[in-house]
Amino acid sequence: LNKALTEAEAVTVLDAFGIACVPTRIAPDLEGAAVAARNLGYPVAVK
């Protein structure tokens, strides 16, 4: 973990140290992002 973290790794690390993050999902493609957004509830941010 002593490196540049991906977003998913960063969320995992912050959660492990008790720092709350907004609900987050990882999607491999646009369709997966749409499914993730529906499950999380709109409005959403995407990176």
ModelCIF file with pLDDT and N, C-alpha, C, O atoms, coordinates in Angstrom:
data_MODEL
#
_entry.id   MODEL 
#
_entity.id                         1 
_entity.type                       polymer 
_entity.pdbx_number_of_molecules   1 
#
_entity_poly.entity_id                      1 
_entity_poly.type                           'polypeptide(L)' 
_entity_poly.nstd_linkage                   no 
_entity_poly.nstd_monomer                   no 
_entity_poly.pdbx_seq_one_letter_code       LNKALTEAEAVTVLDAFGIACVPTRIAPDLEGAAVAARNLGYPVAVK 
_entity_poly.pdbx_seq_one_letter_code_can   LNKALTEAEAVTVLDAFGIACVPTRIAPDLEGAAVAARNLGYPVAVK 
_entity_poly.pdbx_strand_id                 A 
#
loop_
_entity_poly_seq.entity_id 
_entity_poly_seq.num 
_entity_poly_seq.mon_id 
_entity_poly_seq.hetero 
1 1  LEU n 
1 2  ASN n 
1 3  LYS n 
1 4  ALA n 
1 5  LEU n 
1 6  THR n 
1 7  GLU n 
1 8  ALA n 
1 9  GLU n 
1 10 ALA n 
1 11 VAL n 
1 12 THR n 
1 13 VAL n 
1 14 LEU n 
1 15 ASP n 
1 16 ALA n 
1 17 PHE n 
1 18 GLY n 
1 19 ILE n 
1 20 ALA n 
1 21 CYS n 
1 22 VAL n 
1 23 PRO n 
1 24 THR n 
1 25 ARG n 
1 26 ILE n 
1 27 ALA n 
1 28 PRO n 
1 29 ASP n 
1 30 LEU n 
1 31 GLU n 
1 32 GLY n 
1 33 ALA n 
1 34 ALA n 
1 35 VAL n 
1 36 ALA n 
1 37 ALA n 
1 38 ARG n 
1 39 ASN n 
1 40 LEU n 
1 41 GLY n 
1 42 TYR n 
1 43 PRO n 
1 44 VAL n 
1 45 ALA n 
1 46 VAL n 
1 47 LYS n 
#
_struct_asym.id          A 
_struct_asym.entity_id   1 
#
loop_
_ma_qa_metric.id 
_ma_qa_metric.mode 
_ma_qa_metric.name 
_ma_qa_metric.software_group_id 
_ma_qa_metric.type 
1 global pLDDT . pLDDT 
2 local  pLDDT . pLDDT 
#
_ma_qa_metric_global.metric_id      1 
_ma_qa_metric_global.metric_value   88.36 
_ma_qa_metric_global.model_id       1 
_ma_qa_metric_global.ordinal_id     1 
#
loop_
_ma_qa_metric_local.label_asym_id 
_ma_qa_metric_local.label_comp_id 
_ma_qa_metric_local.label_seq_id 
_ma_qa_metric_local.metric_id 
_ma_qa_metric_local.metric_value 
_ma_qa_metric_local.model_id 
_ma_qa_metric_local.ordinal_id 
A LEU 1  2 58.00 1 1  
A ASN 2  2 57.00 1 2  
A LYS 3  2 62.00 1 3  
A ALA 4  2 68.00 1 4  
A LEU 5  2 75.00 1 5  
A THR 6  2 74.00 1 6  
A GLU 7  2 76.00 1 7  
A ALA 8  2 76.00 1 8  
A GLU 9  2 79.00 1 9  
A ALA 10 2 82.00 1 10 
A VAL 11 2 84.00 1 11 
A THR 12 2 82.00 1 12 
A VAL 13 2 85.00 1 13 
A LEU 14 2 88.00 1 14 
A ASP 15 2 88.00 1 15 
A ALA 16 2 86.00 1 16 
A PHE 17 2 90.00 1 17 
A GLY 18 2 90.00 1 18 
A ILE 19 2 92.00 1 19 
A ALA 20 2 88.00 1 20 
A CYS 21 2 88.00 1 21 
A VAL 22 2 89.00 1 22 
A PRO 23 2 92.00 1 23 
A THR 24 2 93.00 1 24 
A ARG 25 2 94.00 1 25 
A ILE 26 2 93.00 1 26 
A ALA 27 2 95.00 1 27 
A PRO 28 2 94.00 1 28 
A ASP 29 2 95.00 1 29 
A LEU 30 2 95.00 1 30 
A GLU 31 2 96.00 1 31 
A GLY 32 2 97.00 1 32 
A ALA 33 2 97.00 1 33 
A ALA 34 2 97.00 1 34 
A VAL 35 2 98.00 1 35 
A ALA 36 2 98.00 1 36 
A ALA 37 2 98.00 1 37 
A ARG 38 2 97.00 1 38 
A ASN 39 2 98.00 1 39 
A LEU 40 2 97.00 1 40 
A GLY 41 2 96.00 1 41 
A TYR 42 2 96.00 1 42 
A PRO 43 2 96.00 1 43 
A VAL 44 2 97.00 1 44 
A ALA 45 2 96.00 1 45 
A VAL 46 2 97.00 1 46 
A LYS 47 2 94.00 1 47 
#
loop_
_atom_site.group_PDB 
_atom_site.id 
_atom_site.type_symbol 
_atom_site.label_atom_id 
_atom_site.label_alt_id 
_atom_site.label_comp_id 
_atom_site.label_asym_id 
_atom_site.label_entity_id 
_atom_site.label_seq_id 
_atom_site.pdbx_PDB_ins_code 
_atom_site.Cartn_x 
_atom_site.Cartn_y 
_atom_site.Cartn_z 
_atom_site.occupancy 
_atom_site.B_iso_or_equiv 
_atom_site.pdbx_formal_charge 
_atom_site.auth_seq_id 
_atom_site.auth_comp_id 
_atom_site.auth_asym_id 
_atom_site.auth_atom_id 
_atom_site.pdbx_PDB_model_num 
ATOM 1   N N  . LEU A 1 1  ? 0.804   -1.218 0.000   1.00 58.00 ? 1  LEU A N  1 
ATOM 2   C CA . LEU A 1 1  ? 0.000   0.000  0.000   1.00 58.00 ? 1  LEU A CA 1 
ATOM 3   C C  . LEU A 1 1  ? 0.840   1.273  0.000   1.00 58.00 ? 1  LEU A C  1 
ATOM 4   O O  . LEU A 1 1  ? 0.298   2.359  -0.206  1.00 58.00 ? 1  LEU A O  1 
ATOM 5   N N  . ASN A 1 2  ? 2.144   1.169  0.225   1.00 57.00 ? 2  ASN A N  1 
ATOM 6   C CA . ASN A 1 2  ? 2.991   2.367  0.212   1.00 57.00 ? 2  ASN A CA 1 
ATOM 7   C C  . ASN A 1 2  ? 3.315   2.761  -1.225  1.00 57.00 ? 2  ASN A C  1 
ATOM 8   O O  . ASN A 1 2  ? 4.436   2.574  -1.697  1.00 57.00 ? 2  ASN A O  1 
ATOM 9   N N  . LYS A 1 3  ? 2.320   3.306  -1.908  1.00 62.00 ? 3  LYS A N  1 
ATOM 10  C CA . LYS A 1 3  ? 2.455   3.612  -3.335  1.00 62.00 ? 3  LYS A CA 1 
ATOM 11  C C  . LYS A 1 3  ? 1.327   4.560  -3.718  1.00 62.00 ? 3  LYS A C  1 
ATOM 12  O O  . LYS A 1 3  ? 0.567   5.020  -2.866  1.00 62.00 ? 3  LYS A O  1 
ATOM 13  N N  . ALA A 1 4  ? 1.233   4.841  -4.997  1.00 68.00 ? 4  ALA A N  1 
ATOM 14  C CA . ALA A 1 4  ? 0.087   5.590  -5.500  1.00 68.00 ? 4  ALA A CA 1 
ATOM 15  C C  . ALA A 1 4  ? -1.099  4.640  -5.581  1.00 68.00 ? 4  ALA A C  1 
ATOM 16  O O  . ALA A 1 4  ? -1.052  3.649  -6.309  1.00 68.00 ? 4  ALA A O  1 
ATOM 17  N N  . LEU A 1 5  ? -2.156  4.934  -4.842  1.00 75.00 ? 5  LEU A N  1 
ATOM 18  C CA . LEU A 1 5  ? -3.307  4.045  -4.768  1.00 75.00 ? 5  LEU A CA 1 
ATOM 19  C C  . LEU A 1 5  ? -4.314  4.343  -5.869  1.00 75.00 ? 5  LEU A C  1 
ATOM 20  O O  . LEU A 1 5  ? -4.467  5.486  -6.298  1.00 75.00 ? 5  LEU A O  1 
ATOM 21  N N  . THR A 1 6  ? -4.993  3.300  -6.317  1.00 74.00 ? 6  THR A N  1 
ATOM 22  C CA . THR A 1 6  ? -6.162  3.519  -7.159  1.00 74.00 ? 6  THR A CA 1 
ATOM 23  C C  . THR A 1 6  ? -7.293  4.006  -6.266  1.00 74.00 ? 6  THR A C  1 
ATOM 24  O O  . THR A 1 6  ? -7.195  3.941  -5.041  1.00 74.00 ? 6  THR A O  1 
ATOM 25  N N  . GLU A 1 7  ? -8.369  4.494  -6.883  1.00 76.00 ? 7  GLU A N  1 
ATOM 26  C CA . GLU A 1 7  ? -9.510  4.958  -6.090  1.00 76.00 ? 7  GLU A CA 1 
ATOM 27  C C  . GLU A 1 7  ? -10.069 3.837  -5.217  1.00 76.00 ? 7  GLU A C  1 
ATOM 28  O O  . GLU A 1 7  ? -10.394 4.053  -4.050  1.00 76.00 ? 7  GLU A O  1 
ATOM 29  N N  . ALA A 1 8  ? -10.178 2.640  -5.789  1.00 76.00 ? 8  ALA A N  1 
ATOM 30  C CA . ALA A 1 8  ? -10.726 1.516  -5.032  1.00 76.00 ? 8  ALA A CA 1 
ATOM 31  C C  . ALA A 1 8  ? -9.841  1.186  -3.832  1.00 76.00 ? 8  ALA A C  1 
ATOM 32  O O  . ALA A 1 8  ? -10.348 0.927  -2.740  1.00 76.00 ? 8  ALA A O  1 
ATOM 33  N N  . GLU A 1 9  ? -8.524  1.195  -4.028  1.00 79.00 ? 9  GLU A N  1 
ATOM 34  C CA . GLU A 1 9  ? -7.608  0.929  -2.922  1.00 79.00 ? 9  GLU A CA 1 
ATOM 35  C C  . GLU A 1 9  ? -7.690  2.032  -1.874  1.00 79.00 ? 9  GLU A C  1 
ATOM 36  O O  . GLU A 1 9  ? -7.643  1.759  -0.675  1.00 79.00 ? 9  GLU A O  1 
ATOM 37  N N  . ALA A 1 10 ? -7.812  3.284  -2.328  1.00 82.00 ? 10 ALA A N  1 
ATOM 38  C CA . ALA A 1 10 ? -7.890  4.405  -1.389  1.00 82.00 ? 10 ALA A CA 1 
ATOM 39  C C  . ALA A 1 10 ? -9.137  4.299  -0.517  1.00 82.00 ? 10 ALA A C  1 
ATOM 40  O O  . ALA A 1 10 ? -9.068  4.525  0.691   1.00 82.00 ? 10 ALA A O  1 
ATOM 41  N N  . VAL A 1 11 ? -10.268 3.959  -1.115  1.00 84.00 ? 11 VAL A N  1 
ATOM 42  C CA . VAL A 1 11 ? -11.502 3.804  -0.341  1.00 84.00 ? 11 VAL A CA 1 
ATOM 43  C C  . VAL A 1 11 ? -11.341 2.689  0.691   1.00 84.00 ? 11 VAL A C  1 
ATOM 44  O O  . VAL A 1 11 ? -11.785 2.828  1.831   1.00 84.00 ? 11 VAL A O  1 
ATOM 45  N N  . THR A 1 12 ? -10.710 1.587  0.294   1.00 82.00 ? 12 THR A N  1 
ATOM 46  C CA . THR A 1 12 ? -10.490 0.470  1.210   1.00 82.00 ? 12 THR A CA 1 
ATOM 47  C C  . THR A 1 12 ? -9.609  0.879  2.381   1.00 82.00 ? 12 THR A C  1 
ATOM 48  O O  . THR A 1 12 ? -9.895  0.534  3.528   1.00 82.00 ? 12 THR A O  1 
ATOM 49  N N  . VAL A 1 13 ? -8.528  1.623  2.092   1.00 85.00 ? 13 VAL A N  1 
ATOM 50  C CA . VAL A 1 13 ? -7.626  2.070  3.153   1.00 85.00 ? 13 VAL A CA 1 
ATOM 51  C C  . VAL A 1 13 ? -8.333  3.025  4.103   1.00 85.00 ? 13 VAL A C  1 
ATOM 52  O O  . VAL A 1 13 ? -8.236  2.873  5.321   1.00 85.00 ? 13 VAL A O  1 
ATOM 53  N N  . LEU A 1 14 ? -9.041  4.005  3.557   1.00 88.00 ? 14 LEU A N  1 
ATOM 54  C CA . LEU A 1 14 ? -9.751  4.967  4.412   1.00 88.00 ? 14 LEU A CA 1 
ATOM 55  C C  . LEU A 1 14 ? -10.769 4.264  5.294   1.00 88.00 ? 14 LEU A C  1 
ATOM 56  O O  . LEU A 1 14 ? -10.897 4.587  6.475   1.00 88.00 ? 14 LEU A O  1 
ATOM 57  N N  . ASP A 1 15 ? -11.493 3.306  4.731   1.00 88.00 ? 15 ASP A N  1 
ATOM 58  C CA . ASP A 1 15 ? -12.474 2.562  5.520   1.00 88.00 ? 15 ASP A CA 1 
ATOM 59  C C  . ASP A 1 15 ? -11.788 1.780  6.641   1.00 88.00 ? 15 ASP A C  1 
ATOM 60  O O  . ASP A 1 15 ? -12.307 1.706  7.755   1.00 88.00 ? 15 ASP A O  1 
ATOM 61  N N  . ALA A 1 16 ? -10.626 1.198  6.349   1.00 86.00 ? 16 ALA A N  1 
ATOM 62  C CA . ALA A 1 16 ? -9.902  0.433  7.359   1.00 86.00 ? 16 ALA A CA 1 
ATOM 63  C C  . ALA A 1 16 ? -9.473  1.303  8.527   1.00 86.00 ? 16 ALA A C  1 
ATOM 64  O O  . ALA A 1 16 ? -9.378  0.824  9.657   1.00 86.00 ? 16 ALA A O  1 
ATOM 65  N N  . PHE A 1 17 ? -9.210  2.587  8.262   1.00 90.00 ? 17 PHE A N  1 
ATOM 66  C CA . PHE A 1 17 ? -8.789  3.509  9.318   1.00 90.00 ? 17 PHE A CA 1 
ATOM 67  C C  . PHE A 1 17 ? -9.955  4.295  9.915   1.00 90.00 ? 17 PHE A C  1 
ATOM 68  O O  . PHE A 1 17 ? -9.741  5.245  10.669  1.00 90.00 ? 17 PHE A O  1 
ATOM 69  N N  . GLY A 1 18 ? -11.193 3.901  9.580   1.00 90.00 ? 18 GLY A N  1 
ATOM 70  C CA . GLY A 1 18 ? -12.360 4.521  10.183  1.00 90.00 ? 18 GLY A CA 1 
ATOM 71  C C  . GLY A 1 18 ? -12.758 5.851  9.597   1.00 90.00 ? 18 GLY A C  1 
ATOM 72  O O  . GLY A 1 18 ? -13.455 6.628  10.248  1.00 90.00 ? 18 GLY A O  1 
ATOM 73  N N  . ILE A 1 19 ? -12.325 6.136  8.365   1.00 92.00 ? 19 ILE A N  1 
ATOM 74  C CA . ILE A 1 19 ? -12.701 7.377  7.690   1.00 92.00 ? 19 ILE A CA 1 
ATOM 75  C C  . ILE A 1 19 ? -13.822 7.060  6.714   1.00 92.00 ? 19 ILE A C  1 
ATOM 76  O O  . ILE A 1 19 ? -13.614 6.373  5.714   1.00 92.00 ? 19 ILE A O  1 
ATOM 77  N N  . ALA A 1 20 ? -15.000 7.562  7.011   1.00 88.00 ? 20 ALA A N  1 
ATOM 78  C CA . ALA A 1 20 ? -16.175 7.224  6.212   1.00 88.00 ? 20 ALA A CA 1 
ATOM 79  C C  . ALA A 1 20 ? -16.076 7.819  4.816   1.00 88.00 ? 20 ALA A C  1 
ATOM 80  O O  . ALA A 1 20 ? -15.678 8.973  4.651   1.00 88.00 ? 20 ALA A O  1 
ATOM 81  N N  . CYS A 1 21 ? -16.435 7.035  3.819   1.00 88.00 ? 21 CYS A N  1 
ATOM 82  C CA . CYS A 1 21 ? -16.476 7.496  2.440   1.00 88.00 ? 21 CYS A CA 1 
ATOM 83  C C  . CYS A 1 21 ? -17.911 7.398  1.929   1.00 88.00 ? 21 CYS A C  1 
ATOM 84  O O  . CYS A 1 21 ? -18.712 6.621  2.448   1.00 88.00 ? 21 CYS A O  1 
ATOM 85  N N  . VAL A 1 22 ? -18.223 8.186  0.918   1.00 89.00 ? 22 VAL A N  1 
ATOM 86  C CA . VAL A 1 22 ? -19.551 8.079  0.325   1.00 89.00 ? 22 VAL A CA 1 
ATOM 87  C C  . VAL A 1 22 ? -19.668 6.707  -0.317  1.00 89.00 ? 22 VAL A C  1 
ATOM 88  O O  . VAL A 1 22 ? -18.658 6.133  -0.722  1.00 89.00 ? 22 VAL A O  1 
ATOM 89  N N  . PRO A 1 23 ? -20.902 6.159  -0.422  1.00 92.00 ? 23 PRO A N  1 
ATOM 90  C CA . PRO A 1 23 ? -21.077 4.849  -1.058  1.00 92.00 ? 23 PRO A CA 1 
ATOM 91  C C  . PRO A 1 23 ? -20.460 4.816  -2.448  1.00 92.00 ? 23 PRO A C  1 
ATOM 92  O O  . PRO A 1 23 ? -20.705 5.699  -3.271  1.00 92.00 ? 23 PRO A O  1 
ATOM 93  N N  . THR A 1 24 ? -19.661 3.793  -2.698  1.00 93.00 ? 24 THR A N  1 
ATOM 94  C CA . THR A 1 24 ? -18.841 3.730  -3.903  1.00 93.00 ? 24 THR A CA 1 
ATOM 95  C C  . THR A 1 24 ? -18.951 2.352  -4.553  1.00 93.00 ? 24 THR A C  1 
ATOM 96  O O  . THR A 1 24 ? -19.024 1.331  -3.869  1.00 93.00 ? 24 THR A O  1 
ATOM 97  N N  . ARG A 1 25 ? -18.959 2.344  -5.876  1.00 94.00 ? 25 ARG A N  1 
ATOM 98  C CA . ARG A 1 25 ? -18.940 1.096  -6.626  1.00 94.00 ? 25 ARG A CA 1 
ATOM 99  C C  . ARG A 1 25 ? -17.902 1.201  -7.744  1.00 94.00 ? 25 ARG A C  1 
ATOM 100 O O  . ARG A 1 25 ? -17.644 2.286  -8.265  1.00 94.00 ? 25 ARG A O  1 
ATOM 101 N N  . ILE A 1 26 ? -17.321 0.075  -8.097  1.00 93.00 ? 26 ILE A N  1 
ATOM 102 C CA . ILE A 1 26 ? -16.376 -0.009 -9.204  1.00 93.00 ? 26 ILE A CA 1 
ATOM 103 C C  . ILE A 1 26 ? -17.066 -0.732 -10.359 1.00 93.00 ? 26 ILE A C  1 
ATOM 104 O O  . ILE A 1 26 ? -17.674 -1.784 -10.163 1.00 93.00 ? 26 ILE A O  1 
ATOM 105 N N  . ALA A 1 27 ? -16.970 -0.169 -11.554 1.00 95.00 ? 27 ALA A N  1 
ATOM 106 C CA . ALA A 1 27 ? -17.614 -0.761 -12.724 1.00 95.00 ? 27 ALA A CA 1 
ATOM 107 C C  . ALA A 1 27 ? -16.593 -0.909 -13.853 1.00 95.00 ? 27 ALA A C  1 
ATOM 108 O O  . ALA A 1 27 ? -15.777 -0.012 -14.063 1.00 95.00 ? 27 ALA A O  1 
ATOM 109 N N  . PRO A 1 28 ? -16.627 -2.027 -14.582 1.00 94.00 ? 28 PRO A N  1 
ATOM 110 C CA . PRO A 1 28 ? -15.643 -2.229 -15.648 1.00 94.00 ? 28 PRO A CA 1 
ATOM 111 C C  . PRO A 1 28 ? -15.965 -1.499 -16.944 1.00 94.00 ? 28 PRO A C  1 
ATOM 112 O O  . PRO A 1 28 ? -15.087 -1.301 -17.785 1.00 94.00 ? 28 PRO A O  1 
ATOM 113 N N  . ASP A 1 29 ? -17.234 -1.094 -17.108 1.00 95.00 ? 29 ASP A N  1 
ATOM 114 C CA . ASP A 1 29 ? -17.640 -0.472 -18.376 1.00 95.00 ? 29 ASP A CA 1 
ATOM 115 C C  . ASP A 1 29 ? -18.861 0.413  -18.143 1.00 95.00 ? 29 ASP A C  1 
ATOM 116 O O  . ASP A 1 29 ? -19.337 0.545  -17.016 1.00 95.00 ? 29 ASP A O  1 
ATOM 117 N N  . LEU A 1 30 ? -19.365 1.023  -19.226 1.00 95.00 ? 30 LEU A N  1 
ATOM 118 C CA . LEU A 1 30 ? -20.497 1.943  -19.114 1.00 95.00 ? 30 LEU A CA 1 
ATOM 119 C C  . LEU A 1 30 ? -21.743 1.264  -18.586 1.00 95.00 ? 30 LEU A C  1 
ATOM 120 O O  . LEU A 1 30 ? -22.444 1.822  -17.742 1.00 95.00 ? 30 LEU A O  1 
ATOM 121 N N  . GLU A 1 31 ? -22.027 0.067  -19.072 1.00 96.00 ? 31 GLU A N  1 
ATOM 122 C CA . GLU A 1 31 ? -23.228 -0.629 -18.595 1.00 96.00 ? 31 GLU A CA 1 
ATOM 123 C C  . GLU A 1 31 ? -23.114 -0.948 -17.112 1.00 96.00 ? 31 GLU A C  1 
ATOM 124 O O  . GLU A 1 31 ? -24.086 -0.826 -16.366 1.00 96.00 ? 31 GLU A O  1 
ATOM 125 N N  . GLY A 1 32 ? -21.929 -1.354 -16.691 1.00 97.00 ? 32 GLY A N  1 
ATOM 126 C CA . GLY A 1 32 ? -21.718 -1.607 -15.269 1.00 97.00 ? 32 GLY A CA 1 
ATOM 127 C C  . GLY A 1 32 ? -21.855 -0.342 -14.443 1.00 97.00 ? 32 GLY A C  1 
ATOM 128 O O  . GLY A 1 32 ? -22.369 -0.373 -13.325 1.00 97.00 ? 32 GLY A O  1 
ATOM 129 N N  . ALA A 1 33 ? -21.388 0.781  -15.002 1.00 97.00 ? 33 ALA A N  1 
ATOM 130 C CA . ALA A 1 33 ? -21.535 2.053  -14.296 1.00 97.00 ? 33 ALA A CA 1 
ATOM 131 C C  . ALA A 1 33 ? -23.004 2.424  -14.145 1.00 97.00 ? 33 ALA A C  1 
ATOM 132 O O  . ALA A 1 33 ? -23.404 2.963  -13.113 1.00 97.00 ? 33 ALA A O  1 
ATOM 133 N N  . ALA A 1 34 ? -23.816 2.140  -15.169 1.00 97.00 ? 34 ALA A N  1 
ATOM 134 C CA . ALA A 1 34 ? -25.245 2.427  -15.096 1.00 97.00 ? 34 ALA A CA 1 
ATOM 135 C C  . ALA A 1 34 ? -25.919 1.571  -14.030 1.00 97.00 ? 34 ALA A C  1 
ATOM 136 O O  . ALA A 1 34 ? -26.781 2.052  -13.294 1.00 97.00 ? 34 ALA A O  1 
ATOM 137 N N  . VAL A 1 35 ? -25.526 0.306  -13.949 1.00 98.00 ? 35 VAL A N  1 
ATOM 138 C CA . VAL A 1 35 ? -26.082 -0.575 -12.914 1.00 98.00 ? 35 VAL A CA 1 
ATOM 139 C C  . VAL A 1 35 ? -25.680 -0.084 -11.525 1.00 98.00 ? 35 VAL A C  1 
ATOM 140 O O  . VAL A 1 35 ? -26.499 -0.053 -10.606 1.00 98.00 ? 35 VAL A O  1 
ATOM 141 N N  . ALA A 1 36 ? -24.408 0.301  -11.383 1.00 98.00 ? 36 ALA A N  1 
ATOM 142 C CA . ALA A 1 36 ? -23.927 0.802  -10.095 1.00 98.00 ? 36 ALA A CA 1 
ATOM 143 C C  . ALA A 1 36 ? -24.680 2.060  -9.688  1.00 98.00 ? 36 ALA A C  1 
ATOM 144 O O  . ALA A 1 36 ? -25.063 2.213  -8.528  1.00 98.00 ? 36 ALA A O  1 
ATOM 145 N N  . ALA A 1 37 ? -24.893 2.966  -10.651 1.00 98.00 ? 37 ALA A N  1 
ATOM 146 C CA . ALA A 1 37 ? -25.608 4.213  -10.349 1.00 98.00 ? 37 ALA A CA 1 
ATOM 147 C C  . ALA A 1 37 ? -27.041 3.934  -9.931  1.00 98.00 ? 37 ALA A C  1 
ATOM 148 O O  . ALA A 1 37 ? -27.552 4.560  -9.002  1.00 98.00 ? 37 ALA A O  1 
ATOM 149 N N  . ARG A 1 38 ? -27.691 3.000  -10.610 1.00 97.00 ? 38 ARG A N  1 
ATOM 150 C CA . ARG A 1 38 ? -29.073 2.661  -10.242 1.00 97.00 ? 38 ARG A CA 1 
ATOM 151 C C  . ARG A 1 38 ? -29.127 2.101  -8.824  1.00 97.00 ? 38 ARG A C  1 
ATOM 152 O O  . ARG A 1 38 ? -30.027 2.437  -8.054  1.00 97.00 ? 38 ARG A O  1 
ATOM 153 N N  . ASN A 1 39 ? -28.166 1.251  -8.483  1.00 98.00 ? 39 ASN A N  1 
ATOM 154 C CA . ASN A 1 39 ? -28.153 0.652  -7.143  1.00 98.00 ? 39 ASN A CA 1 
ATOM 155 C C  . ASN A 1 39 ? -27.829 1.680  -6.060  1.00 98.00 ? 39 ASN A C  1 
ATOM 156 O O  . ASN A 1 39 ? -28.375 1.619  -4.958  1.00 98.00 ? 39 ASN A O  1 
ATOM 157 N N  . LEU A 1 40 ? -26.942 2.622  -6.375  1.00 97.00 ? 40 LEU A N  1 
ATOM 158 C CA . LEU A 1 40 ? -26.581 3.648  -5.397  1.00 97.00 ? 40 LEU A CA 1 
ATOM 159 C C  . LEU A 1 40 ? -27.667 4.692  -5.254  1.00 97.00 ? 40 LEU A C  1 
ATOM 160 O O  . LEU A 1 40 ? -27.901 5.217  -4.165  1.00 97.00 ? 40 LEU A O  1 
ATOM 161 N N  . GLY A 1 41 ? -28.335 4.993  -6.370  1.00 96.00 ? 41 GLY A N  1 
ATOM 162 C CA . GLY A 1 41 ? -29.331 6.061  -6.391  1.00 96.00 ? 41 GLY A CA 1 
ATOM 163 C C  . GLY A 1 41 ? -28.741 7.341  -6.944  1.00 96.00 ? 41 GLY A C  1 
ATOM 164 O O  . GLY A 1 41 ? -27.685 7.798  -6.505  1.00 96.00 ? 41 GLY A O  1 
ATOM 165 N N  . TYR A 1 42 ? -29.439 7.914  -7.917  1.00 96.00 ? 42 TYR A N  1 
ATOM 166 C CA . TYR A 1 42 ? -28.988 9.176  -8.509  1.00 96.00 ? 42 TYR A CA 1 
ATOM 167 C C  . TYR A 1 42 ? -29.296 10.342 -7.572  1.00 96.00 ? 42 TYR A C  1 
ATOM 168 O O  . TYR A 1 42 ? -30.192 10.238 -6.734  1.00 96.00 ? 42 TYR A O  1 
ATOM 169 N N  . PRO A 1 43 ? -28.554 11.467 -7.706  1.00 96.00 ? 43 PRO A N  1 
ATOM 170 C CA . PRO A 1 43 ? -27.458 11.752 -8.629  1.00 96.00 ? 43 PRO A CA 1 
ATOM 171 C C  . PRO A 1 43 ? -26.159 11.097 -8.185  1.00 96.00 ? 43 PRO A C  1 
ATOM 172 O O  . PRO A 1 43 ? -25.966 10.804 -7.005  1.00 96.00 ? 43 PRO A O  1 
ATOM 173 N N  . VAL A 1 44 ? -25.261 10.870 -9.161  1.00 97.00 ? 44 VAL A N  1 
ATOM 174 C CA . VAL A 1 44 ? -23.988 10.236 -8.861  1.00 97.00 ? 44 VAL A CA 1 
ATOM 175 C C  . VAL A 1 44 ? -22.842 11.040 -9.475  1.00 97.00 ? 44 VAL A C  1 
ATOM 176 O O  . VAL A 1 44 ? -23.043 11.894 -10.338 1.00 97.00 ? 44 VAL A O  1 
ATOM 177 N N  . ALA A 1 45 ? -21.645 10.735 -9.002  1.00 96.00 ? 45 ALA A N  1 
ATOM 178 C CA . ALA A 1 45 ? -20.415 11.220 -9.615  1.00 96.00 ? 45 ALA A CA 1 
ATOM 179 C C  . ALA A 1 45 ? -19.700 10.021 -10.211 1.00 96.00 ? 45 ALA A C  1 
ATOM 180 O O  . ALA A 1 45 ? -19.725 8.930  -9.642  1.00 96.00 ? 45 ALA A O  1 
ATOM 181 N N  . VAL A 1 46 ? -19.064 10.223 -11.356 1.00 97.00 ? 46 VAL A N  1 
ATOM 182 C CA . VAL A 1 46 ? -18.332 9.138  -12.014 1.00 97.00 ? 46 VAL A CA 1 
ATOM 183 C C  . VAL A 1 46 ? -16.930 9.626  -12.349 1.00 97.00 ? 46 VAL A C  1 
ATOM 184 O O  . VAL A 1 46 ? -16.746 10.746 -12.824 1.00 97.00 ? 46 VAL A O  1 
ATOM 185 N N  . LYS A 1 47 ? -15.935 8.765  -12.093 1.00 94.00 ? 47 LYS A N  1 
ATOM 186 C CA . LYS A 1 47 ? -14.549 9.055  -12.433 1.00 94.00 ? 47 LYS A CA 1 
ATOM 187 C C  . LYS A 1 47 ? -13.976 7.883  -13.215 1.00 94.00 ? 47 LYS A C  1 
ATOM 188 O O  . LYS A 1 47 ? -12.810 7.913  -13.607 1.00 94.00 ? 47 LYS A O  1 
#
